[in-house]
Amino acid sequence: MFEPPTTKENMKQRIRDVCASVTLEMLTNVRTTFIFHMLSFLYFTCCPGLTREGSEPKNSDFNKTSHECFCVFRYFLNITL
């Protein structure tokens, strides 16, 4: 299809649209990465009963620890999402 010649104002608007979409994409990726890293950090620091390898809990009070961890996750997710 043949596109009609674009005016300067149309070109400026196209550039603005492209910049806005690229900026939004970058912000979305940064936010997702940030949430992932924060959740990992919370998981391994706020849940001392768990280990990275997924082996047996270190402490005997595992149920209490996992419940507290779940509460922290819910609180954090409510803030960020």
PDB file of N, CA and C in Angstrom:
ATOM      1  N   MET A   1       0.847  -1.191   0.000  1.00  0.00           N
ATOM      2  CA  MET A   1       0.000   0.000   0.000  1.00  0.00           C
ATOM      3  C   MET A   1       0.884   1.243   0.000  1.00  0.00           C
ATOM      4  N   PHE A   2       0.396   2.261  -0.646  1.00  0.00           N
ATOM      5  CA  PHE A   2       1.113   3.523  -0.702  1.00  0.00           C
ATOM      6  C   PHE A   2       0.725   4.389   0.484  1.00  0.00           C
ATOM      7  N   GLU A   3       1.748   4.815   1.273  1.00  0.00           N
ATOM      8  CA  GLU A   3       1.479   5.698   2.401  1.00  0.00           C
ATOM      9  C   GLU A   3       1.586   7.147   1.961  1.00  0.00           C
ATOM     10  N   PRO A   4       0.638   7.975   2.378  1.00  0.00           N
ATOM     11  CA  PRO A   4       0.734   9.390   2.012  1.00  0.00           C
ATOM     12  C   PRO A   4       1.940  10.032   2.680  1.00  0.00           C
ATOM     13  N   PRO A   5       2.488  11.057   2.090  1.00  0.00           N
ATOM     14  CA  PRO A   5       3.647  11.714   2.692  1.00  0.00           C
ATOM     15  C   PRO A   5       3.280  12.241   4.080  1.00  0.00           C
ATOM     16  N   THR A   6       4.194  12.082   5.016  1.00  0.00           N
ATOM     17  CA  THR A   6       3.905  12.504   6.381  1.00  0.00           C
ATOM     18  C   THR A   6       4.424  13.908   6.621  1.00  0.00           C
ATOM     19  N   THR A   7       3.680  14.633   7.397  1.00  0.00           N
ATOM     20  CA  THR A   7       4.114  15.988   7.747  1.00  0.00           C
ATOM     21  C   THR A   7       5.097  15.913   8.910  1.00  0.00           C
ATOM     22  N   LYS A   8       5.693  17.057   9.206  1.00  0.00           N
ATOM     23  CA  LYS A   8       6.651  17.095  10.321  1.00  0.00           C
ATOM     24  C   LYS A   8       5.959  16.729  11.635  1.00  0.00           C
ATOM     25  N   GLU A   9       4.732  17.205  11.827  1.00  0.00           N
ATOM     26  CA  GLU A   9       4.008  16.938  13.073  1.00  0.00           C
ATOM     27  C   GLU A   9       3.710  15.452  13.211  1.00  0.00           C
ATOM     28  N   ASN A  10       3.359  14.796  12.102  1.00  0.00           N
ATOM     29  CA  ASN A  10       3.107  13.355  12.151  1.00  0.00           C
ATOM     30  C   ASN A  10       4.377  12.589  12.514  1.00  0.00           C
ATOM     31  N   MET A  11       5.500  12.996  11.952  1.00  0.00           N
ATOM     32  CA  MET A  11       6.766  12.334  12.254  1.00  0.00           C
ATOM     33  C   MET A  11       7.120  12.505  13.729  1.00  0.00           C
ATOM     34  N   LYS A  12       6.929  13.720  14.244  1.00  0.00           N
ATOM     35  CA  LYS A  12       7.212  13.963  15.659  1.00  0.00           C
ATOM     36  C   LYS A  12       6.333  13.075  16.537  1.00  0.00           C
ATOM     37  N   GLN A  13       5.062  12.948  16.168  1.00  0.00           N
ATOM     38  CA  GLN A  13       4.150  12.124  16.960  1.00  0.00           C
ATOM     39  C   GLN A  13       4.569  10.654  16.903  1.00  0.00           C
ATOM     40  N   ARG A  14       4.994  10.182  15.739  1.00  0.00           N
ATOM     41  CA  ARG A  14       5.468   8.792  15.615  1.00  0.00           C
ATOM     42  C   ARG A  14       6.673   8.542  16.499  1.00  0.00           C
ATOM     43  N   ILE A  15       7.608   9.483  16.479  1.00  0.00           N
ATOM     44  CA  ILE A  15       8.817   9.349  17.305  1.00  0.00           C
ATOM     45  C   ILE A  15       8.436   9.309  18.781  1.00  0.00           C
ATOM     46  N   ARG A  16       7.500  10.190  19.183  1.00  0.00           N
ATOM     47  CA  ARG A  16       7.047  10.193  20.580  1.00  0.00           C
ATOM     48  C   ARG A  16       6.431   8.857  20.947  1.00  0.00           C
ATOM     49  N   ASP A  17       5.601   8.310  20.062  1.00  0.00           N
ATOM     50  CA  ASP A  17       4.946   7.024  20.339  1.00  0.00           C
ATOM     51  C   ASP A  17       5.968   5.909  20.512  1.00  0.00           C
ATOM     52  N   VAL A  18       6.958   5.864  19.607  1.00  0.00           N
ATOM     53  CA  VAL A  18       7.980   4.825  19.680  1.00  0.00           C
ATOM     54  C   VAL A  18       8.783   4.963  20.973  1.00  0.00           C
ATOM     55  N   CYS A  19       9.171   6.187  21.317  1.00  0.00           N
ATOM     56  CA  CYS A  19       9.944   6.415  22.541  1.00  0.00           C
ATOM     57  C   CYS A  19       9.136   6.007  23.761  1.00  0.00           C
ATOM     58  N   ALA A  20       7.850   6.336  23.764  1.00  0.00           N
ATOM     59  CA  ALA A  20       7.002   5.995  24.905  1.00  0.00           C
ATOM     60  C   ALA A  20       6.879   4.479  25.062  1.00  0.00           C
ATOM     61  N   SER A  21       6.703   3.774  23.941  1.00  0.00           N
ATOM     62  CA  SER A  21       6.541   2.323  24.042  1.00  0.00           C
ATOM     63  C   SER A  21       7.846   1.653  24.477  1.00  0.00           C
ATOM     64  N   VAL A  22       8.984   2.152  23.978  1.00  0.00           N
ATOM     65  CA  VAL A  22      10.277   1.587  24.378  1.00  0.00           C
ATOM     66  C   VAL A  22      10.523   1.848  25.862  1.00  0.00           C
ATOM     67  N   THR A  23      10.209   3.063  26.323  1.00  0.00           N
ATOM     68  CA  THR A  23      10.391   3.405  27.735  1.00  0.00           C
ATOM     69  C   THR A  23       9.514   2.521  28.611  1.00  0.00           C
ATOM     70  N   LEU A  24       8.264   2.337  28.209  1.00  0.00           N
ATOM     71  CA  LEU A  24       7.350   1.503  28.981  1.00  0.00           C
ATOM     72  C   LEU A  24       7.861   0.071  29.047  1.00  0.00           C
ATOM     73  N   GLU A  25       8.361  -0.443  27.939  1.00  0.00           N
ATOM     74  CA  GLU A  25       8.901  -1.807  27.906  1.00  0.00           C
ATOM     75  C   GLU A  25      10.083  -1.937  28.865  1.00  0.00           C
ATOM     76  N   MET A  26      10.974  -0.947  28.860  1.00  0.00           N
ATOM     77  CA  MET A  26      12.138  -0.984  29.750  1.00  0.00           C
ATOM     78  C   MET A  26      11.702  -0.942  31.203  1.00  0.00           C
ATOM     79  N   LEU A  27      10.741  -0.077  31.529  1.00  0.00           N
ATOM     80  CA  LEU A  27      10.272   0.031  32.903  1.00  0.00           C
ATOM     81  C   LEU A  27       9.626  -1.269  33.356  1.00  0.00           C
ATOM     82  N   THR A  28       8.860  -1.893  32.474  1.00  0.00           N
ATOM     83  CA  THR A  28       8.205  -3.154  32.810  1.00  0.00           C
ATOM     84  C   THR A  28       9.243  -4.226  33.103  1.00  0.00           C
ATOM     85  N   ASN A  29      10.275  -4.316  32.266  1.00  0.00           N
ATOM     86  CA  ASN A  29      11.322  -5.317  32.481  1.00  0.00           C
ATOM     87  C   ASN A  29      12.083  -5.059  33.774  1.00  0.00           C
ATOM     88  N   VAL A  30      12.387  -3.788  34.050  1.00  0.00           N
ATOM     89  CA  VAL A  30      13.110  -3.442  35.269  1.00  0.00           C
ATOM     90  C   VAL A  30      12.260  -3.806  36.485  1.00  0.00           C
ATOM     91  N   ARG A  31      10.963  -3.506  36.418  1.00  0.00           N
ATOM     92  CA  ARG A  31      10.081  -3.798  37.552  1.00  0.00           C
ATOM     93  C   ARG A  31       9.980  -5.301  37.786  1.00  0.00           C
ATOM     94  N   THR A  32       9.823  -6.063  36.713  1.00  0.00           N
ATOM     95  CA  THR A  32       9.729  -7.518  36.849  1.00  0.00           C
ATOM     96  C   THR A  32      11.013  -8.090  37.446  1.00  0.00           C
ATOM     97  N   THR A  33      12.157  -7.625  36.951  1.00  0.00           N
ATOM     98  CA  THR A  33      13.445  -8.097  37.462  1.00  0.00           C
ATOM     99  C   THR A  33      13.598  -7.740  38.934  1.00  0.00           C
ATOM    100  N   PHE A  34      13.209  -6.518  39.278  1.00  0.00           N
ATOM    101  CA  PHE A  34      13.308  -6.068  40.666  1.00  0.00           C
ATOM    102  C   PHE A  34      12.444  -6.947  41.572  1.00  0.00           C
ATOM    103  N   ILE A  35      11.206  -7.202  41.157  1.00  0.00           N
ATOM    104  CA  ILE A  35      10.305  -8.033  41.962  1.00  0.00           C
ATOM    105  C   ILE A  35      10.891  -9.428  42.137  1.00  0.00           C
ATOM    106  N   PHE A  36      11.426  -9.995  41.061  1.00  0.00           N
ATOM    107  CA  PHE A  36      12.014 -11.337  41.137  1.00  0.00           C
ATOM    108  C   PHE A  36      13.160 -11.381  42.145  1.00  0.00           C
ATOM    109  N   HIS A  37      14.065 -10.382  42.064  1.00  0.00           N
ATOM    110  CA  HIS A  37      15.218 -10.376  42.968  1.00  0.00           C
ATOM    111  C   HIS A  37      14.788 -10.131  44.415  1.00  0.00           C
ATOM    112  N   MET A  38      13.822  -9.255  44.618  1.00  0.00           N
ATOM    113  CA  MET A  38      13.363  -8.987  45.975  1.00  0.00           C
ATOM    114  C   MET A  38      12.694 -10.220  46.573  1.00  0.00           C
ATOM    115  N   LEU A  39      11.900 -10.923  45.766  1.00  0.00           N
ATOM    116  CA  LEU A  39      11.253 -12.143  46.267  1.00  0.00           C
ATOM    117  C   LEU A  39      12.296 -13.203  46.611  1.00  0.00           C
ATOM    118  N   SER A  40      13.323 -13.336  45.785  1.00  0.00           N
ATOM    119  CA  SER A  40      14.392 -14.287  46.078  1.00  0.00           C
ATOM    120  C   SER A  40      15.088 -13.910  47.377  1.00  0.00           C
ATOM    121  N   PHE A  41      15.371 -12.622  47.515  1.00  0.00           N
ATOM    122  CA  PHE A  41      16.039 -12.144  48.727  1.00  0.00           C
ATOM    123  C   PHE A  41      15.178 -12.437  49.958  1.00  0.00           C
ATOM    124  N   LEU A  42      13.895 -12.102  49.879  1.00  0.00           N
ATOM    125  CA  LEU A  42      13.004 -12.349  51.014  1.00  0.00           C
ATOM    126  C   LEU A  42      12.908 -13.834  51.317  1.00  0.00           C
ATOM    127  N   TYR A  43      12.840 -14.624  50.266  1.00  0.00           N
ATOM    128  CA  TYR A  43      12.680 -16.065  50.445  1.00  0.00           C
ATOM    129  C   TYR A  43      13.844 -16.661  51.216  1.00  0.00           C
ATOM    130  N   PHE A  44      15.061 -16.248  50.878  1.00  0.00           N
ATOM    131  CA  PHE A  44      16.239 -16.861  51.492  1.00  0.00           C
ATOM    132  C   PHE A  44      16.670 -16.185  52.784  1.00  0.00           C
ATOM    133  N   THR A  45      16.163 -14.957  53.053  1.00  0.00           N
ATOM    134  CA  THR A  45      16.548 -14.301  54.303  1.00  0.00           C
ATOM    135  C   THR A  45      15.450 -14.392  55.353  1.00  0.00           C
ATOM    136  N   CYS A  46      14.194 -14.320  54.929  1.00  0.00           N
ATOM    137  CA  CYS A  46      13.088 -14.322  55.892  1.00  0.00           C
ATOM    138  C   CYS A  46      12.619 -15.734  56.215  1.00  0.00           C
ATOM    139  N   CYS A  47      13.118 -16.721  55.525  1.00  0.00           N
ATOM    140  CA  CYS A  47      12.705 -18.099  55.771  1.00  0.00           C
ATOM    141  C   CYS A  47      13.929 -18.911  56.162  1.00  0.00           C
ATOM    142  N   PRO A  48      14.416 -18.766  57.380  1.00  0.00           N
ATOM    143  CA  PRO A  48      15.639 -19.473  57.770  1.00  0.00           C
ATOM    144  C   PRO A  48      15.460 -20.981  57.800  1.00  0.00           C
ATOM    145  N   GLY A  49      14.213 -21.449  57.818  1.00  0.00           N
ATOM    146  CA  GLY A  49      13.983 -22.890  57.854  1.00  0.00           C
ATOM    147  C   GLY A  49      14.197 -23.547  56.509  1.00  0.00           C
ATOM    148  N   LEU A  50      14.377 -22.759  55.467  1.00  0.00           N
ATOM    149  CA  LEU A  50      14.521 -23.321  54.126  1.00  0.00           C
ATOM    150  C   LEU A  50      15.943 -23.115  53.634  1.00  0.00           C
ATOM    151  N   THR A  51      16.391 -24.005  52.765  1.00  0.00           N
ATOM    152  CA  THR A  51      17.715 -23.838  52.177  1.00  0.00           C
ATOM    153  C   THR A  51      17.565 -23.746  50.667  1.00  0.00           C
ATOM    154  N   ARG A  52      18.563 -23.228  50.009  1.00  0.00           N
ATOM    155  CA  ARG A  52      18.507 -23.052  48.559  1.00  0.00           C
ATOM    156  C   ARG A  52      18.385 -24.384  47.823  1.00  0.00           C
ATOM    157  N   GLU A  53      18.983 -25.420  48.376  1.00  0.00           N
ATOM    158  CA  GLU A  53      18.971 -26.713  47.687  1.00  0.00           C
ATOM    159  C   GLU A  53      17.642 -27.437  47.861  1.00  0.00           C
ATOM    160  N   GLY A  54      16.773 -26.892  48.720  1.00  0.00           N
ATOM    161  CA  GLY A  54      15.489 -27.534  48.942  1.00  0.00           C
ATOM    162  C   GLY A  54      15.599 -28.751  49.832  1.00  0.00           C
ATOM    163  N   SER A  55      16.649 -28.818  50.652  1.00  0.00           N
ATOM    164  CA  SER A  55      16.818 -29.968  51.543  1.00  0.00           C
ATOM    165  C   SER A  55      15.928 -29.789  52.773  1.00  0.00           C
ATOM    166  N   GLU A  56      16.130 -30.632  53.742  1.00  0.00           N
ATOM    167  CA  GLU A  56      15.289 -30.604  54.946  1.00  0.00           C
ATOM    168  C   GLU A  56      15.435 -29.276  55.685  1.00  0.00           C
ATOM    169  N   PRO A  57      14.378 -28.843  56.368  1.00  0.00           N
ATOM    170  CA  PRO A  57      14.455 -27.599  57.134  1.00  0.00           C
ATOM    171  C   PRO A  57      15.526 -27.679  58.221  1.00  0.00           C
ATOM    172  N   LYS A  58      16.195 -26.557  58.460  1.00  0.00           N
ATOM    173  CA  LYS A  58      17.266 -26.537  59.457  1.00  0.00           C
ATOM    174  C   LYS A  58      16.705 -26.546  60.879  1.00  0.00           C
ATOM    175  N   ASN A  59      15.549 -25.871  61.071  1.00  0.00           N
ATOM    176  CA  ASN A  59      15.019 -25.788  62.427  1.00  0.00           C
ATOM    177  C   ASN A  59      13.783 -26.673  62.577  1.00  0.00           C
ATOM    178  N   SER A  60      13.421 -26.946  63.827  1.00  0.00           N
ATOM    179  CA  SER A  60      12.272 -27.820  64.073  1.00  0.00           C
ATOM    180  C   SER A  60      10.969 -27.040  64.003  1.00  0.00           C
ATOM    181  N   ASP A  61      11.053 -25.713  64.034  1.00  0.00           N
ATOM    182  CA  ASP A  61       9.855 -24.873  64.045  1.00  0.00           C
ATOM    183  C   ASP A  61       9.474 -24.484  62.613  1.00  0.00           C
ATOM    184  N   PHE A  62       9.471 -25.458  61.734  1.00  0.00           N
ATOM    185  CA  PHE A  62       9.334 -25.184  60.300  1.00  0.00           C
ATOM    186  C   PHE A  62       7.968 -24.609  59.934  1.00  0.00           C
ATOM    187  N   ASN A  63       6.897 -25.123  60.525  1.00  0.00           N
ATOM    188  CA  ASN A  63       5.551 -24.660  60.164  1.00  0.00           C
ATOM    189  C   ASN A  63       5.367 -23.182  60.475  1.00  0.00           C
ATOM    190  N   LYS A  64       5.845 -22.772  61.630  1.00  0.00           N
ATOM    191  CA  LYS A  64       5.737 -21.362  62.008  1.00  0.00           C
ATOM    192  C   LYS A  64       6.537 -20.490  61.048  1.00  0.00           C
ATOM    193  N   THR A  65       7.737 -20.930  60.727  1.00  0.00           N
ATOM    194  CA  THR A  65       8.606 -20.161  59.831  1.00  0.00           C
ATOM    195  C   THR A  65       7.982 -20.016  58.454  1.00  0.00           C
ATOM    196  N   SER A  66       7.453 -21.099  57.903  1.00  0.00           N
ATOM    197  CA  SER A  66       6.879 -21.026  56.563  1.00  0.00           C
ATOM    198  C   SER A  66       5.635 -20.150  56.559  1.00  0.00           C
ATOM    199  N   HIS A  67       4.875 -20.155  57.660  1.00  0.00           N
ATOM    200  CA  HIS A  67       3.695 -19.300  57.735  1.00  0.00           C
ATOM    201  C   HIS A  67       4.091 -17.831  57.752  1.00  0.00           C
ATOM    202  N   GLU A  68       5.122 -17.494  58.543  1.00  0.00           N
ATOM    203  CA  GLU A  68       5.607 -16.113  58.585  1.00  0.00           C
ATOM    204  C   GLU A  68       6.118 -15.683  57.209  1.00  0.00           C
ATOM    205  N   CYS A  69       6.809 -16.597  56.548  1.00  0.00           N
ATOM    206  CA  CYS A  69       7.344 -16.316  55.224  1.00  0.00           C
ATOM    207  C   CYS A  69       6.199 -16.024  54.251  1.00  0.00           C
ATOM    208  N   PHE A  70       5.150 -16.823  54.315  1.00  0.00           N
ATOM    209  CA  PHE A  70       3.999 -16.631  53.437  1.00  0.00           C
ATOM    210  C   PHE A  70       3.383 -15.254  53.677  1.00  0.00           C
ATOM    211  N   CYS A  71       3.293 -14.848  54.949  1.00  0.00           N
ATOM    212  CA  CYS A  71       2.735 -13.529  55.265  1.00  0.00           C
ATOM    213  C   CYS A  71       3.593 -12.413  54.684  1.00  0.00           C
ATOM    214  N   VAL A  72       4.913 -12.585  54.771  1.00  0.00           N
ATOM    215  CA  VAL A  72       5.820 -11.572  54.213  1.00  0.00           C
ATOM    216  C   VAL A  72       5.642 -11.495  52.700  1.00  0.00           C
ATOM    217  N   PHE A  73       5.536 -12.653  52.031  1.00  0.00           N
ATOM    218  CA  PHE A  73       5.332 -12.669  50.578  1.00  0.00           C
ATOM    219  C   PHE A  73       4.044 -11.962  50.193  1.00  0.00           C
ATOM    220  N   ARG A  74       2.971 -12.273  50.904  1.00  0.00           N
ATOM    221  CA  ARG A  74       1.685 -11.648  50.577  1.00  0.00           C
ATOM    222  C   ARG A  74       1.759 -10.147  50.742  1.00  0.00           C
ATOM    223  N   TYR A  75       2.369  -9.702  51.817  1.00  0.00           N
ATOM    224  CA  TYR A  75       2.503  -8.275  52.076  1.00  0.00           C
ATOM    225  C   TYR A  75       3.309  -7.600  50.968  1.00  0.00           C
ATOM    226  N   PHE A  76       4.431  -8.214  50.608  1.00  0.00           N
ATOM    227  CA  PHE A  76       5.294  -7.633  49.578  1.00  0.00           C
ATOM    228  C   PHE A  76       4.585  -7.594  48.222  1.00  0.00           C
ATOM    229  N   LEU A  77       3.894  -8.677  47.865  1.00  0.00           N
ATOM    230  CA  LEU A  77       3.201  -8.720  46.582  1.00  0.00           C
ATOM    231  C   LEU A  77       2.076  -7.703  46.528  1.00  0.00           C
ATOM    232  N   ASN A  78       1.385  -7.493  47.639  1.00  0.00           N
ATOM    233  CA  ASN A  78       0.322  -6.482  47.664  1.00  0.00           C
ATOM    234  C   ASN A  78       0.890  -5.097  47.424  1.00  0.00           C
ATOM    235  N   ILE A  79       2.105  -4.846  47.915  1.00  0.00           N
ATOM    236  CA  ILE A  79       2.726  -3.530  47.716  1.00  0.00           C
ATOM    237  C   ILE A  79       3.143  -3.356  46.256  1.00  0.00           C
ATOM    238  N   THR A  80       3.782  -4.371  45.683  1.00  0.00           N
ATOM    239  CA  THR A  80       4.412  -4.186  44.370  1.00  0.00           C
ATOM    240  C   THR A  80       3.469  -4.395  43.203  1.00  0.00           C
ATOM    241  N   LEU A  81       2.459  -5.239  43.352  1.00  0.00           N
ATOM    242  CA  LEU A  81       1.604  -5.541  42.192  1.00  0.00           C
ATOM    243  C   LEU A  81       0.316  -4.750  42.180  1.00  0.00           C
TER     244      LEU A  81
END
